[in-house]
């Protein structure tokens, strides 16, 4: 079952994108 692997990968990519956007827009949160 590679579904879980794909889900983890997608979540990681989404989290990275959100972090990048947040750092650019709001500022340094973490």
Protein backbone atom coordinates (compact mmCIF):
# COMPACT_ATOMS: atom_id res chain seq x y z
CA UNK A 1 0.00 0.00 0.00
CA UNK A 2 1.78 3.11 -1.22
CA UNK A 3 -1.27 5.29 -0.57
CA UNK A 4 -0.04 6.23 2.91
CA UNK A 5 3.37 7.13 1.49
CA UNK A 6 1.78 9.39 -1.13
CA UNK A 7 -0.42 11.04 1.50
CA UNK A 8 2.59 11.76 3.71
CA UNK A 9 4.49 13.16 0.74
CA UNK A 10 1.58 15.41 -0.28
CA UNK A 11 1.10 16.64 3.29
CA UNK A 12 4.81 17.41 3.54
CA UNK A 13 4.77 19.36 0.27
CA UNK A 14 1.66 21.28 1.31
CA UNK A 15 3.17 22.09 4.71
CA UNK A 16 6.35 23.34 3.04
CA UNK A 17 4.37 25.53 0.63
CA UNK A 18 2.28 27.00 3.45
CA UNK A 19 5.42 27.70 5.50
CA UNK A 20 7.07 29.45 2.55
CA UNK A 21 3.98 31.58 1.87
CA UNK A 22 3.59 32.44 5.56
CA UNK A 23 7.26 33.44 5.84
CA UNK A 24 6.94 35.69 2.78
CA UNK A 25 3.62 37.29 3.74
CA UNK A 26 3.42 37.54 7.53
CA UNK A 27 7.05 37.42 8.62
CA UNK A 28 9.23 35.16 10.75
CA UNK A 29 6.96 33.06 12.94
CA UNK A 30 9.06 29.95 13.34
